[in-house]
Amino acid sequence: MTDTPVVLFLCTHNAGRSLAAKVLLDHYAQGRVDVRSAGSEPADQLNPSVLAILHERGLDPTREFPKSLTDETARAADVIVTMGCGDACPYYPGKRYLDWEVEDPAGKSVDIVRLIIDDIDGRVRSLLADLTEPAKQ
């Protein structure tokens, strides 16, 4: 891993789960982690419920947009977190992979999406602690 670990969140549409994970980790990491997100089949727009919940939390996702996974983006990552893209997410040898089974927020009520974001939030905080705590000797 580099001095600043690079984390890539992947889901199918890069409009909900991976977007939320990117915004949350970027917020908590405060520059200690380089955070990216992409999708195997990017959507045309971001999930409005996810955007609303991130805004409720005082976060600003307005610079985000659904992005396609590129070979370059994946190869630059130290950690790749997949979130429901299954076989559509390619495998890159030598990368640390985490597969988070997180419900897709597409078409769900805001109350359900809030629970999904809470789940992602907890996972992101745990990942950040793992990436930034000093190595034990």
Protein backbone atom coordinates (compact mmCIF):
# COMPACT_ATOMS: atom_id res chain seq x y z
CA MET A 1 0.00 0.00 0.00
CA THR A 2 1.14 3.56 -0.65
CA ASP A 3 1.51 6.15 2.11
CA THR A 4 -2.04 7.27 1.34
CA PRO A 5 -4.19 4.21 0.71
CA VAL A 6 -6.48 4.31 -2.31
CA VAL A 7 -9.95 2.83 -1.82
CA LEU A 8 -12.28 2.14 -4.74
CA PHE A 9 -15.98 1.49 -4.11
CA LEU A 10 -17.73 -0.41 -6.89
CA CYS A 11 -21.39 -1.14 -7.48
CA THR A 12 -23.45 -1.61 -10.60
CA HIS A 13 -24.75 1.91 -11.21
CA ASN A 14 -22.42 4.08 -9.07
CA ALA A 15 -25.52 6.05 -8.12
CA GLY A 16 -26.32 4.95 -4.57
CA ARG A 17 -24.24 2.55 -2.48
CA SER A 18 -20.78 3.29 -3.86
CA LEU A 19 -21.58 7.00 -4.01
CA ALA A 20 -22.61 7.05 -0.34
CA ALA A 21 -19.55 5.03 0.68
CA LYS A 22 -17.24 7.39 -1.23
CA VAL A 23 -18.76 10.55 0.25
CA LEU A 24 -18.79 9.13 3.78
CA LEU A 25 -15.22 7.79 3.70
CA ASP A 26 -13.93 10.97 2.10
CA HIS A 27 -15.60 12.98 4.89
CA TYR A 28 -14.28 10.84 7.75
CA ALA A 29 -10.79 10.29 6.30
CA GLN A 30 -10.08 14.01 5.88
CA GLY A 31 -7.38 13.38 3.30
CA ARG A 32 -5.84 10.31 4.95
CA VAL A 33 -7.36 8.07 2.25
CA ASP A 34 -7.74 8.67 -1.49
CA VAL A 35 -11.35 7.64 -2.15
CA ARG A 36 -12.84 6.78 -5.54
CA SER A 37 -16.02 5.15 -6.82
CA ALA A 38 -17.22 3.65 -10.08
CA GLY A 39 -19.84 1.37 -11.57
CA SER A 40 -19.89 -1.55 -13.96
CA GLU A 41 -22.98 -0.02 -15.67
CA PRO A 42 -23.18 3.62 -14.52
CA ALA A 43 -26.63 5.19 -14.22
CA ASP A 44 -27.70 8.43 -15.86
CA GLN A 45 -28.17 10.16 -12.51
CA LEU A 46 -27.56 9.77 -8.80
CA ASN A 47 -30.19 8.24 -6.51
CA PRO A 48 -32.21 11.22 -5.16
CA SER A 49 -32.96 9.49 -1.82
CA VAL A 50 -29.26 8.84 -1.23
CA LEU A 51 -28.48 12.48 -2.07
CA ALA A 52 -31.19 13.70 0.33
CA ILE A 53 -29.85 11.56 3.20
CA LEU A 54 -26.27 12.68 2.61
CA HIS A 55 -27.50 16.29 2.67
CA GLU A 56 -29.37 15.56 5.94
CA ARG A 57 -26.02 14.52 7.40
CA GLY A 58 -24.42 17.79 6.34
CA LEU A 59 -22.45 16.22 3.49
CA ASP A 60 -22.15 17.68 0.00
CA PRO A 61 -22.33 15.11 -2.81
CA THR A 62 -22.97 17.72 -5.54
CA ARG A 63 -19.61 17.15 -7.27
CA GLU A 64 -20.32 13.42 -7.64
CA PHE A 65 -21.68 11.71 -10.74
CA PRO A 66 -21.92 8.08 -11.92
CA LYS A 67 -18.57 6.99 -13.38
CA SER A 68 -17.52 3.93 -15.38
CA LEU A 69 -14.97 1.57 -13.94
CA THR A 70 -11.71 1.90 -15.84
CA ASP A 71 -8.72 -0.39 -15.78
CA GLU A 72 -6.58 2.55 -14.62
CA THR A 73 -8.88 3.34 -11.67
CA ALA A 74 -8.91 -0.27 -10.50
CA ARG A 75 -5.15 -0.73 -10.86
CA ALA A 76 -4.51 2.43 -8.80
CA ALA A 77 -6.57 1.10 -5.87
CA ASP A 78 -5.07 -0.62 -2.85
CA VAL A 79 -8.50 -1.74 -1.60
CA ILE A 80 -11.49 -2.53 -3.82
CA VAL A 81 -14.87 -2.72 -2.10
CA THR A 82 -17.57 -4.36 -4.20
CA MET A 83 -21.19 -3.70 -3.35
CA GLY A 84 -23.51 -5.88 -5.37
CA CYS A 85 -21.96 -5.84 -8.81
CA GLY A 86 -21.20 -9.57 -8.74
CA ASP A 87 -19.43 -10.92 -11.80
CA ALA A 88 -19.68 -7.52 -13.53
CA CYS A 89 -16.88 -6.29 -11.26
CA PRO A 90 -13.60 -7.59 -12.66
CA TYR A 91 -10.89 -9.10 -10.47
CA TYR A 92 -7.45 -7.52 -10.29
CA PRO A 93 -4.74 -9.75 -8.76
CA GLY A 94 -2.79 -8.29 -5.86
CA LYS A 95 -5.60 -6.05 -4.65
CA ARG A 96 -7.28 -6.33 -1.28
CA TYR A 97 -10.96 -7.07 -1.92
CA LEU A 98 -13.91 -6.59 0.40
CA ASP A 99 -17.40 -7.62 -0.68
CA TRP A 100 -20.05 -5.71 1.22
CA GLU A 101 -23.50 -7.23 0.86
CA VAL A 102 -25.51 -4.03 1.04
CA GLU A 103 -29.09 -3.71 -0.15
CA ASP A 104 -29.55 -1.68 -3.34
CA PRO A 105 -31.34 1.59 -2.47
CA ALA A 106 -32.88 1.92 -5.96
CA GLY A 107 -36.65 2.28 -5.70
CA LYS A 108 -36.70 2.07 -1.90
CA SER A 109 -38.42 4.51 0.46
CA VAL A 110 -36.34 7.19 2.15
CA ASP A 111 -36.75 5.38 5.49
CA ILE A 112 -35.28 2.17 4.04
CA VAL A 113 -32.52 4.10 2.26
CA ARG A 114 -31.65 5.78 5.57
CA LEU A 115 -31.07 2.32 7.09
CA ILE A 116 -28.92 1.32 4.11
CA ILE A 117 -26.81 4.49 4.52
CA ASP A 118 -26.48 3.75 8.26
CA ASP A 119 -25.16 0.28 7.37
CA ILE A 120 -22.67 1.73 4.88
CA ASP A 121 -21.62 4.37 7.43
CA GLY A 122 -20.69 1.73 10.00
CA ARG A 123 -18.73 -0.28 7.45
CA VAL A 124 -16.90 2.84 6.22
CA ARG A 125 -15.88 3.82 9.76
CA SER A 126 -14.58 0.31 10.41
CA LEU A 127 -12.61 0.32 7.14
CA LEU A 128 -11.12 3.71 7.96
CA ALA A 129 -10.00 2.50 11.39
CA ASP A 130 -8.41 -0.55 9.76
CA LEU A 131 -6.58 1.56 7.17
CA THR A 132 -5.33 4.28 9.49
CA GLU A 133 -4.54 2.63 12.82
CA PRO A 134 -0.81 2.18 13.42
CA ALA A 135 0.55 -1.29 12.78
CA LYS A 136 0.79 -3.35 15.95
CA GLN A 137 4.21 -4.73 16.77
